[in-house]
Amino acid sequence: MAKRLVIKVTAGADAPERCSQAFTVAAVAVASGVEVSLWLTGESAWFALPGRAAEFELPHAAPLPDLLESVLAGGSVTLCSQCAARREITQADVIDGVRIAGAQIFVTEAVADDVQALVY
């Protein structure tokens, strides 16, 4: 069975290094052939919107739009439903390929066999 990785990123511009680490790990895992599910929660929820990742800057880090594009191309990206609701973000607002789902789906993914879950 293939290796799978579920990554929940809770940080955005409020904690740029933690945010960048989560996106970097997700993109590297996808490039390595790992099945990746990246969850955007808390302040990272904003990166589900078009153009918001381009506003993120961190010296010596890969550009967030490139990392997000890599994960979307080879894995899945989910925006937490509660986080979306608190920010008045709807499915119509998000980047193509991003889904909105809740804790039940996260838990189902995270506790599946052969899954490693990480939270940043």
N, C-alpha and C. Protein backbone atom coordinates (compact mmCIF):
# COMPACT_ATOMS: atom_id res chain seq x y z
N MET A 1 0.84 -1.18 0.00
CA MET A 1 0.00 0.00 0.00
C MET A 1 0.88 1.24 0.00
N ALA A 2 0.45 2.28 -0.70
CA ALA A 2 1.22 3.52 -0.82
C ALA A 2 1.25 4.27 0.51
N LYS A 3 2.32 4.99 0.71
CA LYS A 3 2.42 5.84 1.89
C LYS A 3 1.51 7.04 1.69
N ARG A 4 0.87 7.46 2.79
CA ARG A 4 -0.01 8.62 2.73
C ARG A 4 0.33 9.56 3.88
N LEU A 5 0.17 10.86 3.61
CA LEU A 5 0.50 11.89 4.58
C LEU A 5 -0.65 12.89 4.63
N VAL A 6 -1.16 13.13 5.83
CA VAL A 6 -2.18 14.16 6.05
C VAL A 6 -1.50 15.28 6.83
N ILE A 7 -1.52 16.48 6.26
CA ILE A 7 -0.85 17.62 6.88
C ILE A 7 -1.89 18.70 7.15
N LYS A 8 -1.98 19.11 8.41
CA LYS A 8 -2.86 20.22 8.79
C LYS A 8 -1.98 21.42 9.09
N VAL A 9 -2.20 22.50 8.36
CA VAL A 9 -1.45 23.73 8.60
C VAL A 9 -2.41 24.74 9.24
N THR A 10 -2.05 25.17 10.43
CA THR A 10 -2.89 26.10 11.20
C THR A 10 -2.38 27.52 11.12
N ALA A 11 -1.18 27.70 10.60
CA ALA A 11 -0.52 29.00 10.59
C ALA A 11 -0.57 29.62 9.20
N GLY A 12 -0.59 30.93 9.20
CA GLY A 12 -0.52 31.70 7.95
C GLY A 12 0.55 32.75 8.10
N ALA A 13 0.23 33.96 7.70
CA ALA A 13 1.18 35.06 7.81
C ALA A 13 1.51 35.38 9.27
N ASP A 14 0.67 34.91 10.20
CA ASP A 14 0.91 35.13 11.62
C ASP A 14 2.10 34.33 12.15
N ALA A 15 2.44 33.23 11.50
CA ALA A 15 3.59 32.39 11.87
C ALA A 15 4.21 31.88 10.58
N PRO A 16 4.91 32.75 9.85
CA PRO A 16 5.35 32.42 8.49
C PRO A 16 6.28 31.22 8.38
N GLU A 17 7.16 31.02 9.33
CA GLU A 17 8.07 29.87 9.21
C GLU A 17 7.32 28.55 9.35
N ARG A 18 6.41 28.48 10.30
CA ARG A 18 5.62 27.26 10.48
C ARG A 18 4.75 27.01 9.24
N CYS A 19 4.16 28.06 8.72
CA CYS A 19 3.34 27.94 7.52
C CYS A 19 4.16 27.42 6.35
N SER A 20 5.30 28.04 6.12
CA SER A 20 6.16 27.65 5.00
C SER A 20 6.63 26.20 5.15
N GLN A 21 6.95 25.80 6.37
CA GLN A 21 7.40 24.43 6.60
C GLN A 21 6.32 23.44 6.19
N ALA A 22 5.08 23.71 6.55
CA ALA A 22 3.99 22.80 6.22
C ALA A 22 3.82 22.66 4.71
N PHE A 23 3.81 23.79 4.00
CA PHE A 23 3.66 23.74 2.55
C PHE A 23 4.86 23.08 1.89
N THR A 24 6.06 23.34 2.42
CA THR A 24 7.27 22.73 1.86
C THR A 24 7.25 21.22 2.04
N VAL A 25 6.92 20.76 3.23
CA VAL A 25 6.85 19.31 3.48
C VAL A 25 5.80 18.67 2.57
N ALA A 26 4.67 19.31 2.42
CA ALA A 26 3.61 18.77 1.55
C ALA A 26 4.09 18.66 0.10
N ALA A 27 4.72 19.72 -0.40
CA ALA A 27 5.18 19.71 -1.79
C ALA A 27 6.30 18.70 -2.02
N VAL A 28 7.23 18.61 -1.08
CA VAL A 28 8.32 17.63 -1.20
C VAL A 28 7.76 16.21 -1.15
N ALA A 29 6.78 15.98 -0.30
CA ALA A 29 6.17 14.65 -0.21
C ALA A 29 5.49 14.29 -1.54
N VAL A 30 4.74 15.23 -2.11
CA VAL A 30 4.11 14.97 -3.41
C VAL A 30 5.17 14.64 -4.45
N ALA A 31 6.24 15.43 -4.49
CA ALA A 31 7.32 15.20 -5.46
C ALA A 31 8.00 13.85 -5.24
N SER A 32 7.93 13.33 -4.02
CA SER A 32 8.54 12.04 -3.68
C SER A 32 7.60 10.87 -3.91
N GLY A 33 6.41 11.15 -4.40
CA GLY A 33 5.46 10.08 -4.68
C GLY A 33 4.55 9.71 -3.53
N VAL A 34 4.55 10.50 -2.49
CA VAL A 34 3.69 10.25 -1.34
C VAL A 34 2.31 10.84 -1.63
N GLU A 35 1.26 10.13 -1.27
CA GLU A 35 -0.10 10.65 -1.39
C GLU A 35 -0.31 11.67 -0.27
N VAL A 36 -0.62 12.92 -0.64
CA VAL A 36 -0.71 14.01 0.33
C VAL A 36 -2.10 14.62 0.37
N SER A 37 -2.59 14.84 1.57
CA SER A 37 -3.81 15.60 1.81
C SER A 37 -3.43 16.76 2.70
N LEU A 38 -3.48 17.98 2.16
CA LEU A 38 -3.11 19.19 2.90
C LEU A 38 -4.38 19.90 3.34
N TRP A 39 -4.48 20.15 4.64
CA TRP A 39 -5.65 20.82 5.22
C TRP A 39 -5.28 22.23 5.63
N LEU A 40 -6.04 23.21 5.15
CA LEU A 40 -5.84 24.62 5.49
C LEU A 40 -6.81 24.98 6.60
N THR A 41 -6.27 25.34 7.76
CA THR A 41 -7.09 25.69 8.91
C THR A 41 -6.56 26.98 9.52
N GLY A 42 -7.35 27.58 10.38
CA GLY A 42 -6.90 28.82 11.02
C GLY A 42 -6.52 29.86 9.99
N GLU A 43 -5.43 30.56 10.23
CA GLU A 43 -5.01 31.65 9.34
C GLU A 43 -4.56 31.17 7.96
N SER A 44 -4.21 29.89 7.82
CA SER A 44 -3.84 29.39 6.49
C SER A 44 -5.06 29.27 5.58
N ALA A 45 -6.25 29.38 6.15
CA ALA A 45 -7.48 29.30 5.34
C ALA A 45 -7.48 30.33 4.21
N TRP A 46 -6.87 31.47 4.45
CA TRP A 46 -6.85 32.53 3.43
C TRP A 46 -6.14 32.09 2.15
N PHE A 47 -5.23 31.12 2.24
CA PHE A 47 -4.49 30.68 1.06
C PHE A 47 -5.34 29.85 0.10
N ALA A 48 -6.56 29.54 0.49
CA ALA A 48 -7.49 28.86 -0.42
C ALA A 48 -8.07 29.83 -1.44
N LEU A 49 -7.89 31.13 -1.21
CA LEU A 49 -8.43 32.14 -2.11
C LEU A 49 -7.42 32.49 -3.20
N PRO A 50 -7.89 32.74 -4.41
CA PRO A 50 -6.98 33.12 -5.51
C PRO A 50 -6.14 34.34 -5.15
N GLY A 51 -4.85 34.25 -5.41
CA GLY A 51 -3.93 35.36 -5.22
C GLY A 51 -3.40 35.55 -3.81
N ARG A 52 -4.00 34.92 -2.82
CA ARG A 52 -3.56 35.16 -1.43
C ARG A 52 -2.19 34.56 -1.14
N ALA A 53 -1.87 33.42 -1.73
CA ALA A 53 -0.56 32.81 -1.50
C ALA A 53 0.55 33.71 -2.05
N ALA A 54 0.27 34.46 -3.11
CA ALA A 54 1.27 35.35 -3.71
C ALA A 54 1.63 36.51 -2.78
N GLU A 55 0.77 36.80 -1.82
CA GLU A 55 1.03 37.88 -0.88
C GLU A 55 1.98 37.45 0.25
N PHE A 56 2.19 36.14 0.38
CA PHE A 56 3.01 35.59 1.46
C PHE A 56 4.48 35.69 1.08
N GLU A 57 5.29 36.21 1.98
CA GLU A 57 6.73 36.31 1.74
C GLU A 57 7.50 35.80 2.95
N LEU A 58 8.52 35.03 2.68
CA LEU A 58 9.44 34.57 3.71
C LEU A 58 10.81 34.40 3.07
N PRO A 59 11.81 35.16 3.53
CA PRO A 59 13.15 35.06 2.94
C PRO A 59 13.67 33.61 2.97
N HIS A 60 14.33 33.25 1.89
CA HIS A 60 15.00 31.95 1.76
C HIS A 60 14.02 30.77 1.71
N ALA A 61 12.75 31.04 1.43
CA ALA A 61 11.75 29.98 1.34
C ALA A 61 11.22 29.93 -0.09
N ALA A 62 10.82 28.75 -0.50
CA ALA A 62 10.20 28.61 -1.82
C ALA A 62 8.91 29.43 -1.85
N PRO A 63 8.58 30.00 -3.00
CA PRO A 63 7.35 30.79 -3.10
C PRO A 63 6.12 29.94 -2.79
N LEU A 64 5.28 30.45 -1.92
CA LEU A 64 4.08 29.71 -1.50
C LEU A 64 3.17 29.35 -2.68
N PRO A 65 2.98 30.22 -3.67
CA PRO A 65 2.13 29.81 -4.80
C PRO A 65 2.66 28.58 -5.52
N ASP A 66 3.98 28.47 -5.65
CA ASP A 66 4.57 27.30 -6.31
C ASP A 66 4.34 26.03 -5.49
N LEU A 67 4.50 26.14 -4.18
CA LEU A 67 4.28 24.97 -3.32
C LEU A 67 2.82 24.54 -3.36
N LEU A 68 1.92 25.50 -3.28
CA LEU A 68 0.49 25.19 -3.33
C LEU A 68 0.11 24.56 -4.65
N GLU A 69 0.64 25.08 -5.74
CA GLU A 69 0.37 24.53 -7.07
C GLU A 69 0.84 23.08 -7.16
N SER A 70 2.01 22.80 -6.59
CA SER A 70 2.54 21.43 -6.61
C SER A 70 1.62 20.47 -5.86
N VAL A 71 1.15 20.90 -4.70
CA VAL A 71 0.26 20.03 -3.92
C VAL A 71 -1.06 19.84 -4.65
N LEU A 72 -1.61 20.89 -5.22
CA LEU A 72 -2.86 20.77 -5.97
C LEU A 72 -2.71 19.84 -7.17
N ALA A 73 -1.54 19.87 -7.79
CA ALA A 73 -1.31 19.03 -8.98
C ALA A 73 -1.17 17.56 -8.65
N GLY A 74 -0.62 17.25 -7.47
CA GLY A 74 -0.34 15.86 -7.17
C GLY A 74 -0.98 15.32 -5.91
N GLY A 75 -1.70 16.15 -5.20
CA GLY A 75 -2.34 15.72 -3.96
C GLY A 75 -3.70 16.36 -3.84
N SER A 76 -4.15 16.54 -2.61
CA SER A 76 -5.43 17.21 -2.40
C SER A 76 -5.25 18.33 -1.38
N VAL A 77 -6.07 19.38 -1.54
CA VAL A 77 -6.06 20.51 -0.62
C VAL A 77 -7.49 20.74 -0.15
N THR A 78 -7.64 20.79 1.17
CA THR A 78 -8.96 20.96 1.77
C THR A 78 -8.95 22.16 2.70
N LEU A 79 -9.98 22.96 2.60
CA LEU A 79 -10.19 24.08 3.51
C LEU A 79 -11.18 23.64 4.57
N CYS A 80 -10.81 23.82 5.82
CA CYS A 80 -11.68 23.48 6.96
C CYS A 80 -13.00 24.24 6.85
N SER A 81 -14.10 23.52 6.99
CA SER A 81 -15.42 24.14 6.82
C SER A 81 -15.71 25.21 7.88
N GLN A 82 -15.35 24.96 9.13
CA GLN A 82 -15.57 25.97 10.16
C GLN A 82 -14.70 27.21 9.92
N CYS A 83 -13.46 26.98 9.52
CA CYS A 83 -12.55 28.09 9.24
C CYS A 83 -13.06 28.92 8.08
N ALA A 84 -13.58 28.24 7.06
CA ALA A 84 -14.16 28.94 5.91
C ALA A 84 -15.37 29.76 6.34
N ALA A 85 -16.25 29.17 7.13
CA ALA A 85 -17.46 29.87 7.57
C ALA A 85 -17.12 31.11 8.39
N ARG A 86 -16.13 30.99 9.29
CA ARG A 86 -15.75 32.13 10.11
C ARG A 86 -15.20 33.29 9.28
N ARG A 87 -14.66 32.97 8.11
CA ARG A 87 -14.08 33.98 7.23
C ARG A 87 -15.00 34.31 6.05
N GLU A 88 -16.20 33.75 6.09
CA GLU A 88 -17.21 33.94 5.04
C GLU A 88 -16.68 33.54 3.67
N ILE A 89 -15.92 32.44 3.63
CA ILE A 89 -15.40 31.89 2.38
C ILE A 89 -16.32 30.75 1.96
N THR A 90 -16.74 30.76 0.72
CA THR A 90 -17.59 29.69 0.20
C THR A 90 -16.84 28.91 -0.87
N GLN A 91 -17.41 27.79 -1.29
CA GLN A 91 -16.79 26.97 -2.33
C GLN A 91 -16.60 27.78 -3.61
N ALA A 92 -17.49 28.71 -3.89
CA ALA A 92 -17.38 29.54 -5.09
C ALA A 92 -16.18 30.49 -5.03
N ASP A 93 -15.66 30.74 -3.84
CA ASP A 93 -14.55 31.69 -3.66
C ASP A 93 -13.17 31.07 -3.83
N VAL A 94 -13.04 29.77 -3.65
CA VAL A 94 -11.72 29.15 -3.53
C VAL A 94 -11.10 28.81 -4.88
N ILE A 95 -9.82 28.57 -4.85
CA ILE A 95 -9.05 28.15 -6.02
C ILE A 95 -9.62 26.83 -6.53
N ASP A 96 -9.64 26.67 -7.85
CA ASP A 96 -10.07 25.39 -8.43
C ASP A 96 -9.25 24.25 -7.85
N GLY A 97 -9.91 23.21 -7.44
CA GLY A 97 -9.25 22.04 -6.89
C GLY A 97 -9.26 21.99 -5.37
N VAL A 98 -9.57 23.10 -4.72
CA VAL A 98 -9.66 23.13 -3.26
C VAL A 98 -11.08 22.77 -2.87
N ARG A 99 -11.21 21.83 -1.95
CA ARG A 99 -12.54 21.48 -1.45
C ARG A 99 -12.70 22.04 -0.04
N ILE A 100 -13.94 22.17 0.38
CA ILE A 100 -14.24 22.56 1.75
C ILE A 100 -14.87 21.36 2.43
N ALA A 101 -14.31 20.96 3.57
CA ALA A 101 -14.81 19.79 4.30
C ALA A 101 -14.55 19.99 5.78
N GLY A 102 -15.23 19.17 6.59
CA GLY A 102 -15.15 19.32 8.03
C GLY A 102 -14.31 18.29 8.75
N ALA A 103 -14.39 18.37 10.06
CA ALA A 103 -13.57 17.54 10.94
C ALA A 103 -13.79 16.05 10.74
N GLN A 104 -15.00 15.65 10.41
CA GLN A 104 -15.27 14.22 10.21
C GLN A 104 -14.39 13.66 9.09
N ILE A 105 -14.25 14.41 8.00
CA ILE A 105 -13.42 13.97 6.88
C ILE A 105 -11.95 13.97 7.29
N PHE A 106 -11.52 15.00 8.03
CA PHE A 106 -10.13 15.05 8.50
C PHE A 106 -9.82 13.83 9.35
N VAL A 107 -10.69 13.53 10.30
CA VAL A 107 -10.46 12.39 11.20
C VAL A 107 -10.43 11.09 10.40
N THR A 108 -11.33 10.94 9.47
CA THR A 108 -11.36 9.73 8.63
C THR A 108 -10.03 9.56 7.90
N GLU A 109 -9.53 10.65 7.32
CA GLU A 109 -8.24 10.59 6.62
C GLU A 109 -7.08 10.31 7.57
N ALA A 110 -7.08 10.98 8.71
CA ALA A 110 -5.94 10.93 9.62
C ALA A 110 -5.77 9.58 10.31
N VAL A 111 -6.86 8.86 10.54
CA VAL A 111 -6.76 7.60 11.27
C VAL A 111 -6.76 6.38 10.35
N ALA A 112 -6.76 6.60 9.05
CA ALA A 112 -6.73 5.47 8.11
C ALA A 112 -5.41 4.72 8.24
N ASP A 113 -5.44 3.47 7.82
CA ASP A 113 -4.22 2.65 7.83
C ASP A 113 -3.14 3.28 6.95
N ASP A 114 -1.89 3.12 7.34
CA ASP A 114 -0.74 3.59 6.59
C ASP A 114 -0.72 5.10 6.37
N VAL A 115 -1.25 5.86 7.31
CA VAL A 115 -1.25 7.32 7.23
C VAL A 115 -0.41 7.90 8.35
N GLN A 116 0.35 8.90 8.01
CA GLN A 116 1.08 9.71 8.99
C GLN A 116 0.42 11.08 8.98
N ALA A 117 -0.01 11.57 10.12
CA ALA A 117 -0.61 12.89 10.22
C ALA A 117 0.37 13.85 10.89
N LEU A 118 0.49 15.04 10.33
CA LEU A 118 1.34 16.09 10.88
C LEU A 118 0.53 17.35 11.05
N VAL A 119 0.79 18.10 12.10
CA VAL A 119 0.10 19.36 12.32
C VAL A 119 1.16 20.45 12.51
N TYR A 120 1.02 21.49 11.74
CA TYR A 120 1.93 22.64 11.83
C TYR A 120 1.15 23.84 12.30
